[in-house]
Amino acid sequence: MFIVTTQTLENYGAVDSDGKFENGNAYWKFKGGHDYLVEDLDRPQDAMAFVAALVMENDLVNKEFPISVMTASEWVTLDTTSNYDASVVKHVSPKWYHTGYYIETGDDGCSSINT
């Protein structure tokens, strides 16, 4: 299992204007991202490509893309020494991605299936 982390960007310039670089109206800001626990794949590059296929967004307002991949055990080690929060990891797998669902654990520790 692997943890793939994504980064999101938001173009504030697209709120008040057309948001285009060519017109001097682009104003991108880093926003949050998500952590995806990828099951049923054996290679980190496959996990990253799978998450990219699920979430990559590239328009004038928002962008989301994978920025790192590590084994789940490496992530757990980081989780104990920093502010990583296992309760917000989204569980995904190529065995059931076609359903349009992912599993997310809430603050109460209970898992739910979301679209």
C-alpha atoms as a PDB file:
ATOM      1  CA  MET A   1       0.000   0.000   0.000  1.00  0.00           C
ATOM      2  CA  PHE A   2       1.097   3.539  -0.773  1.00  0.00           C
ATOM      3  CA  ILE A   3       0.200   7.032   0.314  1.00  0.00           C
ATOM      4  CA  VAL A   4      -0.009   9.538  -2.537  1.00  0.00           C
ATOM      5  CA  THR A   5      -0.212  13.191  -1.537  1.00  0.00           C
ATOM      6  CA  THR A   6      -1.704  15.804  -3.824  1.00  0.00           C
ATOM      7  CA  GLN A   7      -1.348  19.581  -3.978  1.00  0.00           C
ATOM      8  CA  THR A   8      -4.104  21.961  -4.998  1.00  0.00           C
ATOM      9  CA  LEU A   9      -3.789  25.450  -6.416  1.00  0.00           C
ATOM     10  CA  GLU A  10      -6.494  28.089  -6.756  1.00  0.00           C
ATOM     11  CA  ASN A  11      -6.355  30.982  -9.201  1.00  0.00           C
ATOM     12  CA  TYR A  12      -7.649  34.040  -7.375  1.00  0.00           C
ATOM     13  CA  GLY A  13      -7.269  35.957 -10.621  1.00  0.00           C
ATOM     14  CA  ALA A  14     -10.089  33.915 -12.142  1.00  0.00           C
ATOM     15  CA  VAL A  15     -12.549  35.222  -9.541  1.00  0.00           C
ATOM     16  CA  ASP A  16     -12.357  38.887 -10.534  1.00  0.00           C
ATOM     17  CA  SER A  17     -11.034  38.525 -14.070  1.00  0.00           C
ATOM     18  CA  ASP A  18     -10.242  35.939 -16.737  1.00  0.00           C
ATOM     19  CA  GLY A  19      -7.333  34.463 -14.715  1.00  0.00           C
ATOM     20  CA  LYS A  20      -5.076  34.147 -17.752  1.00  0.00           C
ATOM     21  CA  PHE A  21      -1.301  34.572 -17.639  1.00  0.00           C
ATOM     22  CA  GLU A  22      -1.295  36.176 -21.084  1.00  0.00           C
ATOM     23  CA  ASN A  23      -3.504  39.002 -19.780  1.00  0.00           C
ATOM     24  CA  GLY A  24      -1.582  39.426 -16.539  1.00  0.00           C
ATOM     25  CA  ASN A  25      -4.552  38.194 -14.511  1.00  0.00           C
ATOM     26  CA  ALA A  26      -3.218  34.920 -13.103  1.00  0.00           C
ATOM     27  CA  TYR A  27      -2.783  34.872  -9.326  1.00  0.00           C
ATOM     28  CA  TRP A  28      -2.278  31.291  -8.181  1.00  0.00           C
ATOM     29  CA  LYS A  29      -2.144  30.356  -4.495  1.00  0.00           C
ATOM     30  CA  PHE A  30      -1.208  27.043  -2.952  1.00  0.00           C
ATOM     31  CA  LYS A  31      -4.114  25.480  -1.135  1.00  0.00           C
ATOM     32  CA  GLY A  32      -4.362  22.187   0.691  1.00  0.00           C
ATOM     33  CA  GLY A  33      -4.194  18.753  -0.782  1.00  0.00           C
ATOM     34  CA  HIS A  34      -5.259  15.240   0.028  1.00  0.00           C
ATOM     35  CA  ASP A  35      -3.639  11.991   1.087  1.00  0.00           C
ATOM     36  CA  TYR A  36      -4.768   8.854  -0.734  1.00  0.00           C
ATOM     37  CA  LEU A  37      -4.114   5.361   0.590  1.00  0.00           C
ATOM     38  CA  VAL A  38      -3.761   3.319  -2.587  1.00  0.00           C
ATOM     39  CA  GLU A  39      -4.422  -0.386  -2.214  1.00  0.00           C
ATOM     40  CA  ASP A  40      -3.946  -3.268  -4.656  1.00  0.00           C
ATOM     41  CA  LEU A  41      -0.908  -1.872  -6.505  1.00  0.00           C
ATOM     42  CA  ASP A  42       2.690  -3.012  -6.049  1.00  0.00           C
ATOM     43  CA  ARG A  43       4.738  -0.094  -7.385  1.00  0.00           C
ATOM     44  CA  PRO A  44       4.869   3.527  -6.213  1.00  0.00           C
ATOM     45  CA  GLN A  45       4.804   4.881  -9.753  1.00  0.00           C
ATOM     46  CA  ASP A  46       1.623   2.927 -10.460  1.00  0.00           C
ATOM     47  CA  ALA A  47       0.037   4.337  -7.292  1.00  0.00           C
ATOM     48  CA  MET A  48       0.968   7.888  -8.285  1.00  0.00           C
ATOM     49  CA  ALA A  49      -0.329   7.420 -11.839  1.00  0.00           C
ATOM     50  CA  PHE A  50      -3.567   5.923 -10.526  1.00  0.00           C
ATOM     51  CA  VAL A  51      -4.211   8.886  -8.220  1.00  0.00           C
ATOM     52  CA  ALA A  52      -3.315  11.261 -11.056  1.00  0.00           C
ATOM     53  CA  ALA A  53      -5.949   9.579 -13.217  1.00  0.00           C
ATOM     54  CA  LEU A  54      -8.507   9.965 -10.433  1.00  0.00           C
ATOM     55  CA  VAL A  55      -7.930  13.556  -9.374  1.00  0.00           C
ATOM     56  CA  MET A  56      -5.841  15.591 -11.797  1.00  0.00           C
ATOM     57  CA  GLU A  57      -7.577  18.820 -12.528  1.00  0.00           C
ATOM     58  CA  ASN A  58      -6.161  21.515 -14.762  1.00  0.00           C
ATOM     59  CA  ASP A  59      -8.290  24.522 -15.541  1.00  0.00           C
ATOM     60  CA  LEU A  60      -8.116  28.290 -15.071  1.00  0.00           C
ATOM     61  CA  VAL A  61      -9.552  28.164 -11.535  1.00  0.00           C
ATOM     62  CA  ASN A  62      -8.205  25.009  -9.868  1.00  0.00           C
ATOM     63  CA  LYS A  63      -5.435  22.504 -10.271  1.00  0.00           C
ATOM     64  CA  GLU A  64      -4.840  19.306  -8.304  1.00  0.00           C
ATOM     65  CA  PHE A  65      -1.961  16.952  -8.934  1.00  0.00           C
ATOM     66  CA  PRO A  66       0.140  14.318  -7.112  1.00  0.00           C
ATOM     67  CA  ILE A  67       3.342  15.610  -5.509  1.00  0.00           C
ATOM     68  CA  SER A  68       4.686  12.647  -3.521  1.00  0.00           C
ATOM     69  CA  VAL A  69       4.342   8.938  -2.961  1.00  0.00           C
ATOM     70  CA  MET A  70       5.604   6.728  -0.142  1.00  0.00           C
ATOM     71  CA  THR A  71       4.802   3.382   1.369  1.00  0.00           C
ATOM     72  CA  ALA A  72       2.040   3.307   3.940  1.00  0.00           C
ATOM     73  CA  SER A  73       4.543   2.195   6.590  1.00  0.00           C
ATOM     74  CA  GLU A  74       6.772   5.203   5.823  1.00  0.00           C
ATOM     75  CA  TRP A  75       3.732   7.453   6.161  1.00  0.00           C
ATOM     76  CA  VAL A  76       2.811   5.913   9.514  1.00  0.00           C
ATOM     77  CA  THR A  77       6.349   6.686  10.729  1.00  0.00           C
ATOM     78  CA  LEU A  78       5.890  10.313   9.618  1.00  0.00           C
ATOM     79  CA  ASP A  79       2.445  10.347  11.189  1.00  0.00           C
ATOM     80  CA  THR A  80       3.911   9.697  14.623  1.00  0.00           C
ATOM     81  CA  THR A  81       6.474  12.495  14.349  1.00  0.00           C
ATOM     82  CA  SER A  82       4.524  15.284  12.631  1.00  0.00           C
ATOM     83  CA  ASN A  83       1.020  16.564  12.046  1.00  0.00           C
ATOM     84  CA  TYR A  84      -0.186  13.956   9.577  1.00  0.00           C
ATOM     85  CA  ASP A  85      -3.773  12.929  10.251  1.00  0.00           C
ATOM     86  CA  ALA A  86      -4.725   9.371   9.326  1.00  0.00           C
ATOM     87  CA  SER A  87      -8.406  10.168   9.812  1.00  0.00           C
ATOM     88  CA  VAL A  88      -8.553  12.181   6.602  1.00  0.00           C
ATOM     89  CA  VAL A  89      -6.828   9.710   4.284  1.00  0.00           C
ATOM     90  CA  LYS A  90      -8.968   8.683   1.319  1.00  0.00           C
ATOM     91  CA  HIS A  91      -8.759   4.973   0.512  1.00  0.00           C
ATOM     92  CA  VAL A  92      -8.734   4.117  -3.190  1.00  0.00           C
ATOM     93  CA  SER A  93      -8.098   1.013  -5.260  1.00  0.00           C
ATOM     94  CA  PRO A  94      -8.060   0.198  -8.980  1.00  0.00           C
ATOM     95  CA  LYS A  95     -10.225  -2.818  -8.131  1.00  0.00           C
ATOM     96  CA  TRP A  96     -13.199  -0.573  -7.341  1.00  0.00           C
ATOM     97  CA  TYR A  97     -12.357   2.887  -8.722  1.00  0.00           C
ATOM     98  CA  HIS A  98     -14.874   2.501 -11.542  1.00  0.00           C
ATOM     99  CA  THR A  99     -17.671   2.745  -8.967  1.00  0.00           C
ATOM    100  CA  GLY A 100     -16.850   6.414  -8.440  1.00  0.00           C
ATOM    101  CA  TYR A 101     -16.449   5.878  -4.711  1.00  0.00           C
ATOM    102  CA  TYR A 102     -13.646   6.268  -2.226  1.00  0.00           C
ATOM    103  CA  ILE A 103     -13.550   5.406   1.461  1.00  0.00           C
ATOM    104  CA  GLU A 104     -12.913   8.209   3.936  1.00  0.00           C
ATOM    105  CA  THR A 105     -12.489   7.891   7.686  1.00  0.00           C
ATOM    106  CA  GLY A 106     -14.188  10.657   9.629  1.00  0.00           C
ATOM    107  CA  ASP A 107     -13.282  12.414  12.851  1.00  0.00           C
ATOM    108  CA  ASP A 108     -15.325   9.848  14.756  1.00  0.00           C
ATOM    109  CA  GLY A 109     -13.109   7.031  13.453  1.00  0.00           C
ATOM    110  CA  CYS A 110     -15.905   5.573  11.341  1.00  0.00           C
ATOM    111  CA  SER A 111     -15.429   4.899   7.644  1.00  0.00           C
ATOM    112  CA  SER A 112     -17.885   6.051   5.034  1.00  0.00           C
ATOM    113  CA  ILE A 113     -18.109   5.643   1.294  1.00  0.00           C
ATOM    114  CA  ASN A 114     -18.228   8.913  -0.616  1.00  0.00           C
ATOM    115  CA  THR A 115     -18.476   9.987  -4.224  1.00  0.00           C
END
